[in-house]
N, C-alpha and C. Protein backbone atom coordinates (compact mmCIF):
# COMPACT_ATOMS: atom_id res chain seq x y z
N UNK A 1 30.46 24.99 -8.07
CA UNK A 1 29.79 25.45 -6.88
C UNK A 1 28.60 26.30 -7.29
N UNK A 2 27.49 26.08 -6.64
CA UNK A 2 26.29 26.87 -6.91
C UNK A 2 26.20 28.01 -5.91
N UNK A 3 25.61 29.11 -6.36
CA UNK A 3 25.42 30.25 -5.49
C UNK A 3 23.93 30.49 -5.33
N UNK A 4 23.52 30.75 -4.12
CA UNK A 4 22.14 31.05 -3.81
C UNK A 4 22.07 32.45 -3.21
N UNK A 5 21.02 33.13 -3.56
CA UNK A 5 20.87 34.49 -3.08
C UNK A 5 19.60 34.58 -2.25
N UNK A 6 19.68 35.31 -1.17
CA UNK A 6 18.55 35.52 -0.29
C UNK A 6 18.18 36.99 -0.37
N UNK A 7 16.91 37.25 -0.63
CA UNK A 7 16.43 38.63 -0.73
C UNK A 7 15.77 39.00 0.59
N UNK A 8 16.28 40.04 1.24
CA UNK A 8 15.76 40.49 2.52
C UNK A 8 15.21 41.89 2.39
N UNK A 9 14.09 42.14 3.02
CA UNK A 9 13.52 43.49 3.04
C UNK A 9 14.00 44.19 4.31
N UNK A 10 14.58 45.35 4.15
CA UNK A 10 15.07 46.12 5.29
C UNK A 10 13.97 47.02 5.83
N UNK A 11 14.19 47.53 7.03
CA UNK A 11 13.21 48.43 7.63
C UNK A 11 13.04 49.71 6.82
N UNK A 12 14.04 50.06 6.00
CA UNK A 12 13.94 51.26 5.17
C UNK A 12 13.13 51.02 3.90
N UNK A 13 12.77 49.74 3.64
CA UNK A 13 12.00 49.44 2.44
C UNK A 13 12.89 48.99 1.29
N UNK A 14 14.19 49.15 1.43
CA UNK A 14 15.10 48.70 0.39
C UNK A 14 15.38 47.20 0.56
N UNK A 15 15.61 46.53 -0.52
CA UNK A 15 15.91 45.10 -0.46
C UNK A 15 17.41 44.89 -0.49
N UNK A 16 17.86 43.92 0.28
CA UNK A 16 19.27 43.53 0.29
C UNK A 16 19.40 42.16 -0.38
N UNK A 17 20.40 42.01 -1.20
CA UNK A 17 20.68 40.74 -1.83
C UNK A 17 21.91 40.15 -1.15
N UNK A 18 21.73 39.02 -0.48
CA UNK A 18 22.82 38.42 0.28
C UNK A 18 23.20 37.10 -0.39
N UNK A 19 24.49 36.93 -0.65
CA UNK A 19 25.01 35.71 -1.25
C UNK A 19 25.08 34.63 -0.18
N UNK A 20 24.36 33.52 -0.39
CA UNK A 20 24.35 32.43 0.58
C UNK A 20 24.85 31.16 -0.10
N UNK A 21 26.11 30.80 0.13
CA UNK A 21 26.70 29.61 -0.49
C UNK A 21 26.64 28.41 0.44
N UNK A 22 26.06 28.55 1.64
CA UNK A 22 26.03 27.45 2.59
C UNK A 22 24.90 26.47 2.32
N UNK A 23 23.91 26.85 1.53
CA UNK A 23 22.76 25.99 1.28
C UNK A 23 23.03 25.06 0.10
N UNK A 24 22.46 23.86 0.20
CA UNK A 24 22.56 22.90 -0.88
C UNK A 24 21.29 22.96 -1.72
N UNK A 25 21.42 22.62 -2.98
CA UNK A 25 20.25 22.60 -3.85
C UNK A 25 19.36 21.42 -3.47
N UNK A 26 18.09 21.44 -3.86
CA UNK A 26 17.21 20.31 -3.57
C UNK A 26 17.75 18.99 -4.13
N UNK A 27 18.33 19.02 -5.31
CA UNK A 27 18.89 17.80 -5.90
C UNK A 27 20.07 17.28 -5.10
N UNK A 28 20.89 18.17 -4.59
CA UNK A 28 22.01 17.74 -3.75
C UNK A 28 21.51 17.10 -2.46
N UNK A 29 20.46 17.65 -1.89
CA UNK A 29 19.90 17.10 -0.65
C UNK A 29 19.28 15.73 -0.88
N UNK A 30 18.49 15.56 -1.95
CA UNK A 30 17.84 14.27 -2.19
C UNK A 30 18.86 13.21 -2.58
N UNK A 31 19.96 13.60 -3.21
CA UNK A 31 21.01 12.64 -3.57
C UNK A 31 21.76 12.13 -2.35
N UNK A 32 21.65 12.81 -1.23
CA UNK A 32 22.27 12.34 0.01
C UNK A 32 21.47 11.22 0.67
N UNK A 33 20.20 11.06 0.26
CA UNK A 33 19.36 9.99 0.78
C UNK A 33 19.75 8.71 0.05
N UNK A 34 20.14 7.65 0.77
CA UNK A 34 20.53 6.41 0.09
C UNK A 34 19.33 5.76 -0.59
N UNK A 35 19.57 4.98 -1.67
CA UNK A 35 18.47 4.28 -2.32
C UNK A 35 17.72 3.38 -1.33
N UNK A 36 16.42 3.31 -1.47
CA UNK A 36 15.57 2.52 -0.59
C UNK A 36 15.43 1.12 -1.18
N UNK A 37 15.78 0.09 -0.40
CA UNK A 37 15.66 -1.29 -0.86
C UNK A 37 14.25 -1.81 -0.60
N UNK A 38 13.68 -2.43 -1.64
CA UNK A 38 12.35 -3.04 -1.51
C UNK A 38 12.41 -4.48 -2.02
N UNK A 39 11.49 -5.32 -1.54
CA UNK A 39 11.51 -6.74 -1.89
C UNK A 39 10.91 -7.03 -3.26
N UNK A 40 9.89 -6.32 -3.66
CA UNK A 40 9.19 -6.62 -4.91
C UNK A 40 9.80 -5.95 -6.12
N UNK A 41 9.14 -6.18 -7.27
CA UNK A 41 9.58 -5.57 -8.52
C UNK A 41 8.98 -4.19 -8.75
N UNK A 42 7.89 -3.89 -8.05
CA UNK A 42 7.19 -2.62 -8.22
C UNK A 42 7.10 -1.92 -6.87
N UNK A 43 7.37 -0.62 -6.85
CA UNK A 43 7.24 0.16 -5.63
C UNK A 43 6.25 1.30 -5.91
N UNK A 44 5.46 1.66 -4.91
CA UNK A 44 4.53 2.77 -5.02
C UNK A 44 5.09 3.92 -4.18
N UNK A 45 5.54 4.98 -4.83
CA UNK A 45 6.11 6.12 -4.12
C UNK A 45 5.05 7.20 -3.97
N UNK A 46 4.91 7.70 -2.73
CA UNK A 46 3.99 8.80 -2.45
C UNK A 46 4.73 10.02 -1.90
N UNK A 47 6.05 9.92 -1.78
CA UNK A 47 6.84 11.04 -1.32
C UNK A 47 6.93 11.18 0.19
N UNK A 48 5.85 10.88 0.88
CA UNK A 48 5.82 11.01 2.34
C UNK A 48 4.68 10.14 2.86
N UNK A 49 4.79 9.70 4.09
CA UNK A 49 3.70 8.92 4.70
C UNK A 49 2.47 9.76 4.96
N UNK A 50 2.64 11.06 5.11
CA UNK A 50 1.53 11.99 5.32
C UNK A 50 1.03 12.46 3.95
N UNK A 51 -0.20 12.13 3.56
CA UNK A 51 -0.70 12.52 2.24
C UNK A 51 -0.65 14.03 1.99
N UNK A 52 -0.74 14.82 3.04
CA UNK A 52 -0.70 16.28 2.86
C UNK A 52 0.69 16.76 2.44
N UNK A 53 1.71 15.96 2.73
CA UNK A 53 3.09 16.36 2.40
C UNK A 53 3.64 15.62 1.20
N UNK A 54 2.91 14.65 0.69
CA UNK A 54 3.41 13.81 -0.39
C UNK A 54 3.09 14.35 -1.77
N UNK A 55 3.03 13.42 -2.73
CA UNK A 55 2.72 13.75 -4.12
C UNK A 55 1.83 12.66 -4.67
N UNK A 56 1.33 12.82 -5.91
CA UNK A 56 0.52 11.74 -6.49
C UNK A 56 1.30 10.43 -6.50
N UNK A 57 0.62 9.33 -6.30
CA UNK A 57 1.28 8.04 -6.24
C UNK A 57 1.89 7.69 -7.60
N UNK A 58 3.11 7.21 -7.56
CA UNK A 58 3.79 6.77 -8.79
C UNK A 58 4.25 5.34 -8.58
N UNK A 59 3.88 4.46 -9.50
CA UNK A 59 4.32 3.08 -9.46
C UNK A 59 5.59 2.97 -10.28
N UNK A 60 6.65 2.45 -9.67
CA UNK A 60 7.97 2.42 -10.29
C UNK A 60 8.42 0.97 -10.43
N UNK A 61 8.84 0.59 -11.64
CA UNK A 61 9.34 -0.74 -11.93
C UNK A 61 10.83 -0.80 -11.61
N UNK A 62 11.24 -1.86 -10.91
CA UNK A 62 12.63 -1.99 -10.46
C UNK A 62 13.38 -3.11 -11.18
N UNK A 63 13.11 -3.34 -12.44
CA UNK A 63 13.75 -4.42 -13.18
C UNK A 63 15.21 -4.15 -13.52
N UNK A 64 15.63 -2.91 -13.55
CA UNK A 64 17.02 -2.59 -13.90
C UNK A 64 17.92 -2.65 -12.68
N UNK A 65 19.22 -2.80 -12.91
CA UNK A 65 20.17 -2.89 -11.80
C UNK A 65 20.36 -1.54 -11.10
N UNK A 66 20.37 -0.45 -11.87
CA UNK A 66 20.58 0.86 -11.26
C UNK A 66 19.30 1.32 -10.58
N UNK A 67 19.43 2.20 -9.59
CA UNK A 67 18.24 2.67 -8.86
C UNK A 67 17.24 3.36 -9.80
N UNK A 68 15.95 3.12 -9.55
CA UNK A 68 14.88 3.80 -10.27
C UNK A 68 14.52 5.05 -9.46
N UNK A 69 14.26 6.14 -10.15
CA UNK A 69 14.05 7.43 -9.50
C UNK A 69 12.61 7.89 -9.66
N UNK A 70 12.01 8.32 -8.56
CA UNK A 70 10.66 8.89 -8.60
C UNK A 70 10.70 10.24 -9.31
N UNK A 71 9.82 10.41 -10.30
CA UNK A 71 9.83 11.66 -11.08
C UNK A 71 9.31 12.86 -10.30
N UNK A 72 8.62 12.61 -9.19
CA UNK A 72 8.08 13.71 -8.40
C UNK A 72 9.06 14.19 -7.33
N UNK A 73 9.60 13.26 -6.54
CA UNK A 73 10.39 13.68 -5.38
C UNK A 73 11.88 13.33 -5.47
N UNK A 74 12.25 12.49 -6.44
CA UNK A 74 13.66 12.16 -6.61
C UNK A 74 14.16 11.02 -5.74
N UNK A 75 13.30 10.43 -4.90
CA UNK A 75 13.74 9.29 -4.11
C UNK A 75 14.15 8.16 -5.05
N UNK A 76 15.17 7.41 -4.65
CA UNK A 76 15.67 6.31 -5.46
C UNK A 76 15.32 4.98 -4.81
N UNK A 77 14.97 4.01 -5.64
CA UNK A 77 14.58 2.68 -5.16
C UNK A 77 15.38 1.61 -5.90
N UNK A 78 15.75 0.54 -5.18
CA UNK A 78 16.40 -0.62 -5.77
C UNK A 78 15.71 -1.87 -5.24
N UNK A 79 15.72 -2.92 -6.05
CA UNK A 79 15.14 -4.19 -5.64
C UNK A 79 16.18 -4.97 -4.83
N UNK A 80 15.75 -5.44 -3.66
CA UNK A 80 16.62 -6.26 -2.81
C UNK A 80 16.61 -7.68 -3.36
N UNK A 81 17.76 -8.14 -3.81
CA UNK A 81 17.88 -9.47 -4.39
C UNK A 81 18.35 -10.46 -3.32
N UNK A 82 17.66 -11.56 -3.21
CA UNK A 82 18.06 -12.62 -2.26
C UNK A 82 19.06 -13.52 -2.97
N UNK A 83 20.12 -13.89 -2.28
CA UNK A 83 21.13 -14.78 -2.88
C UNK A 83 21.07 -16.14 -2.26
């Protein structure tokens, strides 16, 4: 279990350290997103449809069976195979 701490400034000027175990880490949150299926062998990940919220474009090769992971945002991609 991971522990997160929140630092709050009180009206007296003293800081309070509060243990917050209810929050998930960024990696835990991104791992809850299922892998995105795409038709081609190459996917271009930008992190978000809005360029202001995304990251530099990364072209990811999907030749392997396991999901390929974007090095910027952690989104996972798999190639959709037609049978």
